[in-house]
Protein backbone atom coordinates (compact mmCIF):
# COMPACT_ATOMS: atom_id res chain seq x y z
CA MET A 1 109.77 45.76 -66.53
CA PHE A 2 106.62 45.13 -68.58
CA GLU A 3 107.66 41.52 -69.02
CA ILE A 4 107.81 40.90 -65.28
CA ALA A 5 104.46 42.60 -64.73
CA ALA A 6 102.88 40.55 -67.50
CA ALA A 7 104.25 37.33 -66.01
CA VAL A 8 102.99 38.14 -62.51
CA VAL A 9 99.54 39.15 -63.75
CA ALA A 10 99.29 36.01 -65.90
CA CYS A 11 100.27 33.86 -62.92
CA LEU A 12 97.62 35.48 -60.74
CA VAL A 13 94.99 35.11 -63.47
CA GLY A 14 95.80 31.40 -63.76
CA ALA A 15 95.58 30.91 -60.00
CA ALA A 16 92.27 32.77 -59.83
CA LEU A 17 90.84 30.66 -62.65
CA SER A 18 91.84 27.43 -60.93
CA VAL A 19 89.74 28.26 -57.90
CA ARG A 20 86.47 28.55 -59.79
CA PHE A 21 86.75 27.00 -63.26
CA SER A 22 87.92 23.81 -64.95
CA PHE A 23 91.00 23.54 -67.12
CA PHE A 24 89.07 24.44 -70.26
CA ALA A 25 88.52 27.99 -69.01
CA LEU A 26 92.27 28.52 -69.27
CA VAL A 27 92.22 28.46 -73.08
CA PRO A 28 90.11 31.61 -73.65
CA ALA A 29 91.86 33.32 -70.75
CA LEU A 30 95.23 32.58 -72.35
CA LEU A 31 94.02 34.07 -75.61
CA VAL A 32 92.96 37.26 -73.81
CA VAL A 33 96.26 37.46 -71.93
CA LEU A 34 98.27 36.92 -75.10
CA VAL A 35 96.35 39.61 -76.99
CA LEU A 36 96.81 42.09 -74.13
CA VAL A 37 100.53 41.33 -73.89
CA ALA A 38 100.95 41.69 -77.64
CA LEU A 39 99.11 45.02 -77.65
CA GLY A 40 101.22 46.26 -74.76
CA GLU A 41 104.45 45.29 -76.45
CA VAL A 42 103.43 46.83 -79.77
CA ALA A 43 102.42 50.03 -78.01
CA ARG A 44 105.87 50.17 -76.43
CA GLY A 45 107.50 49.63 -79.82
CA GLU A 46 109.31 46.40 -78.97
CA THR A 47 110.70 43.98 -81.52
CA ILE A 48 108.81 40.91 -82.67
CA TRP A 49 111.25 38.63 -80.83
CA LEU A 50 110.76 40.34 -77.49
CA THR A 51 107.00 40.37 -78.05
CA GLY A 52 107.00 36.64 -78.75
CA ALA A 53 109.19 35.91 -75.75
CA THR A 54 106.94 37.96 -73.48
CA MET A 55 103.85 36.20 -74.83
CA LEU A 56 105.49 32.82 -74.23
CA LEU A 57 106.47 33.84 -70.70
CA ALA A 58 102.91 35.02 -69.96
CA ALA A 59 101.41 31.77 -71.27
CA ILE A 60 103.78 29.65 -69.19
CA CYS A 61 103.15 31.73 -66.07
CA ALA A 62 99.37 31.47 -66.50
CA GLN A 63 99.63 27.68 -66.67
CA VAL A 64 101.99 27.51 -63.69
CA GLY A 65 99.61 29.75 -61.75
CA TYR A 66 96.69 27.50 -62.65
CA PHE A 67 98.63 24.44 -61.51
CA ALA A 68 99.68 26.10 -58.24
CA GLY A 69 96.14 27.25 -57.53
CA SER A 70 94.78 23.78 -58.22
CA ALA A 71 97.37 22.22 -55.92
CA LEU A 72 96.51 24.66 -53.13
CA ARG A 73 92.79 23.99 -53.58
CA PHE A 74 93.43 20.23 -53.46
CA MET A 75 95.50 20.53 -50.28
CA ASP A 76 92.84 22.73 -48.66
CA GLU A 77 90.04 20.27 -49.47
CA ASN A 78 92.18 17.38 -48.22
CA ARG A 79 92.84 19.23 -44.97
CA ARG A 80 89.11 19.86 -44.50
CA VAL A 81 88.26 16.20 -45.05
CA ASN A 82 90.91 15.08 -42.57
CA ARG A 83 89.73 17.61 -40.01
CA ARG A 84 86.15 16.33 -40.34
CA ARG A 85 87.36 12.75 -39.97
CA GLU A 86 89.27 13.62 -36.79
CA SER A 87 86.24 15.30 -35.23
CA PRO A 88 84.96 13.49 -32.11
CA VAL A 89 81.37 13.79 -33.35
CA VAL A 90 82.20 12.08 -36.63
CA ARG A 91 84.18 9.39 -34.83
CA SER A 92 81.26 8.60 -32.54
CA VAL A 93 78.68 8.54 -35.32
CA TRP A 94 80.76 6.56 -37.81
CA LYS A 95 82.46 4.41 -35.16
CA LEU A 96 85.92 5.27 -36.50
CA PRO A 97 88.90 3.95 -34.53
CA VAL A 98 90.98 6.43 -32.55
CA ASN A 99 94.58 6.55 -33.75
């Protein structure tokens, strides 16, 4: 159960980082996540193999979350640009053709 919680939290941390920071902010965040996961697994008395697997899962989920957050941010910005371009005011000022 701890493994699933760690994966979900890591995914959310990665998505939250993608909204505000560049890719380089993911490195220190991954280190913090990995330390917290390792401490949690050691406190539960798990084996080294399960600890390593959980740390790997958390790192992968953080990167997937970062990628998903970046993709959502890109799609949102693209939608905003297209909405501005389709505005009648912008069309009249920029003399854009009507599709």
